Amino acid sequence: MKKFRCTVCNFIYEGDEAPDKCPRCGSPKEKYEQIPEEKVKLIERSRLSNGLHMHLATLLEEVSQVASKGIEDNLDPLCLAIFTKAKDEAHLLRQFIKAEIQVHIGKGKWG
């Protein structure tokens, strides 16, 4: 399937040809350009990687919630240390993921 990008708003449309008008901004068909095959492959790979990043971020949020319950329970100092480290590392990794996705968007590795 071909991919077309609206040159006004960067909306990516997939189909045999560009739409008559952009579903996002309403620009006419003439404002669309077909995305070259090598860029299409990058978009597909990026969708996979970005989806994995988002899945991991969701799992890390769950780790953070579980760790918070462990911190609240505070059974003993070693348990508290483990849960605190898990919560801190989950937060840090989620921040890394956000930064990486922003880099992907800036480099056109999104679609």
C-alpha atoms as a PDB file:
ATOM      1  CA  MET A   1       0.000   0.000   0.000  1.00  0.00           C
ATOM      2  CA  LYS A   2       1.294   3.464  -0.878  1.00  0.00           C
ATOM      3  CA  LYS A   3       1.781   6.214   1.654  1.00  0.00           C
ATOM      4  CA  PHE A   4       1.180   9.907   1.036  1.00  0.00           C
ATOM      5  CA  ARG A   5       2.109  12.851   3.265  1.00  0.00           C
ATOM      6  CA  CYS A   6       0.188  16.108   3.445  1.00  0.00           C
ATOM      7  CA  THR A   7       2.783  18.850   3.001  1.00  0.00           C
ATOM      8  CA  VAL A   8       0.662  21.230   5.107  1.00  0.00           C
ATOM      9  CA  CYS A   9       0.099  19.219   8.296  1.00  0.00           C
ATOM     10  CA  ASN A  10       2.265  16.063   7.794  1.00  0.00           C
ATOM     11  CA  PHE A  11      -0.714  13.705   8.014  1.00  0.00           C
ATOM     12  CA  ILE A  12       0.192  10.325   6.500  1.00  0.00           C
ATOM     13  CA  TYR A  13      -2.490   8.723   4.373  1.00  0.00           C
ATOM     14  CA  GLU A  14      -2.337   5.098   3.215  1.00  0.00           C
ATOM     15  CA  GLY A  15      -4.064   4.029   0.017  1.00  0.00           C
ATOM     16  CA  ASP A  16      -3.741   3.622  -3.733  1.00  0.00           C
ATOM     17  CA  GLU A  17      -3.767   7.401  -4.197  1.00  0.00           C
ATOM     18  CA  ALA A  18      -3.902  10.536  -2.076  1.00  0.00           C
ATOM     19  CA  PRO A  19      -7.345  11.573  -0.788  1.00  0.00           C
ATOM     20  CA  ASP A  20      -9.250  14.416  -2.452  1.00  0.00           C
ATOM     21  CA  LYS A  21      -8.706  16.455   0.703  1.00  0.00           C
ATOM     22  CA  CYS A  22      -6.688  15.945   3.862  1.00  0.00           C
ATOM     23  CA  PRO A  23      -8.780  14.377   6.651  1.00  0.00           C
ATOM     24  CA  ARG A  24      -6.806  16.387   9.215  1.00  0.00           C
ATOM     25  CA  CYS A  25      -6.465  19.902   7.784  1.00  0.00           C
ATOM     26  CA  GLY A  26      -8.712  19.893   4.717  1.00  0.00           C
ATOM     27  CA  SER A  27      -5.944  20.742   2.243  1.00  0.00           C
ATOM     28  CA  PRO A  28      -6.585  19.664  -1.360  1.00  0.00           C
ATOM     29  CA  LYS A  29      -5.113  16.543  -2.968  1.00  0.00           C
ATOM     30  CA  GLU A  30      -2.432  18.660  -4.679  1.00  0.00           C
ATOM     31  CA  LYS A  31      -0.822  19.265  -1.272  1.00  0.00           C
ATOM     32  CA  TYR A  32      -0.014  15.548  -0.909  1.00  0.00           C
ATOM     33  CA  GLU A  33       3.254  13.951  -1.955  1.00  0.00           C
ATOM     34  CA  GLN A  34       3.919  10.245  -2.278  1.00  0.00           C
ATOM     35  CA  ILE A  35       6.429   9.012   0.275  1.00  0.00           C
ATOM     36  CA  PRO A  36       9.381   7.203  -1.356  1.00  0.00           C
ATOM     37  CA  GLU A  37       9.681   3.452  -0.685  1.00  0.00           C
ATOM     38  CA  GLU A  38      12.839   3.787   1.460  1.00  0.00           C
ATOM     39  CA  LYS A  39      11.009   6.264   3.710  1.00  0.00           C
ATOM     40  CA  VAL A  40       7.967   3.957   3.844  1.00  0.00           C
ATOM     41  CA  LYS A  41      10.219   1.189   5.182  1.00  0.00           C
ATOM     42  CA  LEU A  42      11.573   3.566   7.839  1.00  0.00           C
ATOM     43  CA  ILE A  43       8.028   4.531   8.835  1.00  0.00           C
ATOM     44  CA  GLU A  44       7.045   0.864   9.192  1.00  0.00           C
ATOM     45  CA  ARG A  45      10.116   0.054  11.303  1.00  0.00           C
ATOM     46  CA  SER A  46       9.510   3.173  13.378  1.00  0.00           C
ATOM     47  CA  ARG A  47       5.902   2.193  14.023  1.00  0.00           C
ATOM     48  CA  LEU A  48       7.116  -1.136  15.402  1.00  0.00           C
ATOM     49  CA  SER A  49       9.818   0.418  17.589  1.00  0.00           C
ATOM     50  CA  ASN A  50       7.604   3.240  18.839  1.00  0.00           C
ATOM     51  CA  GLY A  51       4.854   0.750  19.644  1.00  0.00           C
ATOM     52  CA  LEU A  52       7.342  -1.295  21.652  1.00  0.00           C
ATOM     53  CA  HIS A  53       8.434   1.846  23.478  1.00  0.00           C
ATOM     54  CA  MET A  54       4.821   2.636  24.361  1.00  0.00           C
ATOM     55  CA  HIS A  55       4.181  -0.936  25.507  1.00  0.00           C
ATOM     56  CA  LEU A  56       7.278  -0.810  27.705  1.00  0.00           C
ATOM     57  CA  ALA A  57       6.208   2.563  29.144  1.00  0.00           C
ATOM     58  CA  THR A  58       2.839   1.050  30.063  1.00  0.00           C
ATOM     59  CA  LEU A  59       4.511  -1.903  31.781  1.00  0.00           C
ATOM     60  CA  LEU A  60       6.856   0.446  33.636  1.00  0.00           C
ATOM     61  CA  GLU A  61       3.858   2.398  34.897  1.00  0.00           C
ATOM     62  CA  GLU A  62       2.516  -0.876  36.287  1.00  0.00           C
ATOM     63  CA  VAL A  63       5.897  -1.561  37.937  1.00  0.00           C
ATOM     64  CA  SER A  64       5.720   1.893  39.493  1.00  0.00           C
ATOM     65  CA  GLN A  65       2.231   1.245  40.879  1.00  0.00           C
ATOM     66  CA  VAL A  66       3.235  -2.129  42.336  1.00  0.00           C
ATOM     67  CA  ALA A  67       6.365  -0.589  43.846  1.00  0.00           C
ATOM     68  CA  SER A  68       4.287   2.189  45.431  1.00  0.00           C
ATOM     69  CA  LYS A  69       2.142  -0.439  47.167  1.00  0.00           C
ATOM     70  CA  GLY A  70       5.309  -2.146  48.408  1.00  0.00           C
ATOM     71  CA  ILE A  71       6.637   1.175  49.710  1.00  0.00           C
ATOM     72  CA  GLU A  72       3.343   1.791  51.522  1.00  0.00           C
ATOM     73  CA  ASP A  73       3.496  -1.704  53.056  1.00  0.00           C
ATOM     74  CA  ASN A  74       7.067  -1.040  54.288  1.00  0.00           C
ATOM     75  CA  LEU A  75       7.548  -4.563  55.691  1.00  0.00           C
ATOM     76  CA  ASP A  76      11.259  -4.133  56.348  1.00  0.00           C
ATOM     77  CA  PRO A  77      14.209  -1.980  55.193  1.00  0.00           C
ATOM     78  CA  LEU A  78      15.344  -4.365  52.422  1.00  0.00           C
ATOM     79  CA  CYS A  79      11.829  -4.620  50.949  1.00  0.00           C
ATOM     80  CA  LEU A  80      11.515  -0.846  51.106  1.00  0.00           C
ATOM     81  CA  ALA A  81      14.860  -0.458  49.295  1.00  0.00           C
ATOM     82  CA  ILE A  82      13.829  -2.873  46.528  1.00  0.00           C
ATOM     83  CA  PHE A  83      10.458  -1.221  45.949  1.00  0.00           C
ATOM     84  CA  THR A  84      11.976   2.266  46.067  1.00  0.00           C
ATOM     85  CA  LYS A  85      14.641   1.315  43.518  1.00  0.00           C
ATOM     86  CA  ALA A  86      12.027  -0.288  41.258  1.00  0.00           C
ATOM     87  CA  LYS A  87       9.869   2.853  41.370  1.00  0.00           C
ATOM     88  CA  ASP A  88      12.824   5.170  40.732  1.00  0.00           C
ATOM     89  CA  GLU A  89      14.180   3.075  37.832  1.00  0.00           C
ATOM     90  CA  ALA A  90      10.727   2.731  36.265  1.00  0.00           C
ATOM     91  CA  HIS A  91      10.359   6.516  36.361  1.00  0.00           C
ATOM     92  CA  LEU A  92      13.808   7.044  34.839  1.00  0.00           C
ATOM     93  CA  LEU A  93      13.191   4.552  32.026  1.00  0.00           C
ATOM     94  CA  ARG A  94       9.821   6.157  31.215  1.00  0.00           C
ATOM     95  CA  GLN A  95      11.627   9.503  30.883  1.00  0.00           C
ATOM     96  CA  PHE A  96      14.189   7.904  28.524  1.00  0.00           C
ATOM     97  CA  ILE A  97      11.342   6.503  26.429  1.00  0.00           C
ATOM     98  CA  LYS A  98       9.630   9.904  26.177  1.00  0.00           C
ATOM     99  CA  ALA A  99      12.899  11.515  25.077  1.00  0.00           C
ATOM    100  CA  GLU A 100      13.556   8.797  22.492  1.00  0.00           C
ATOM    101  CA  ILE A 101      10.094   9.132  20.996  1.00  0.00           C
ATOM    102  CA  GLN A 102      10.590  12.904  20.755  1.00  0.00           C
ATOM    103  CA  VAL A 103      13.849  12.257  18.870  1.00  0.00           C
ATOM    104  CA  HIS A 104      12.017   9.851  16.540  1.00  0.00           C
ATOM    105  CA  ILE A 105       9.343  12.459  15.808  1.00  0.00           C
ATOM    106  CA  GLY A 106      11.997  15.108  15.121  1.00  0.00           C
ATOM    107  CA  LYS A 107      13.792  12.796  12.675  1.00  0.00           C
ATOM    108  CA  GLY A 108      10.617  11.752  10.879  1.00  0.00           C
ATOM    109  CA  LYS A 109      10.713   8.260  12.403  1.00  0.00           C
ATOM    110  CA  TRP A 110       7.017   8.309  13.110  1.00  0.00           C
ATOM    111  CA  GLY A 111       4.063   7.714  10.934  1.00  0.00           C
END
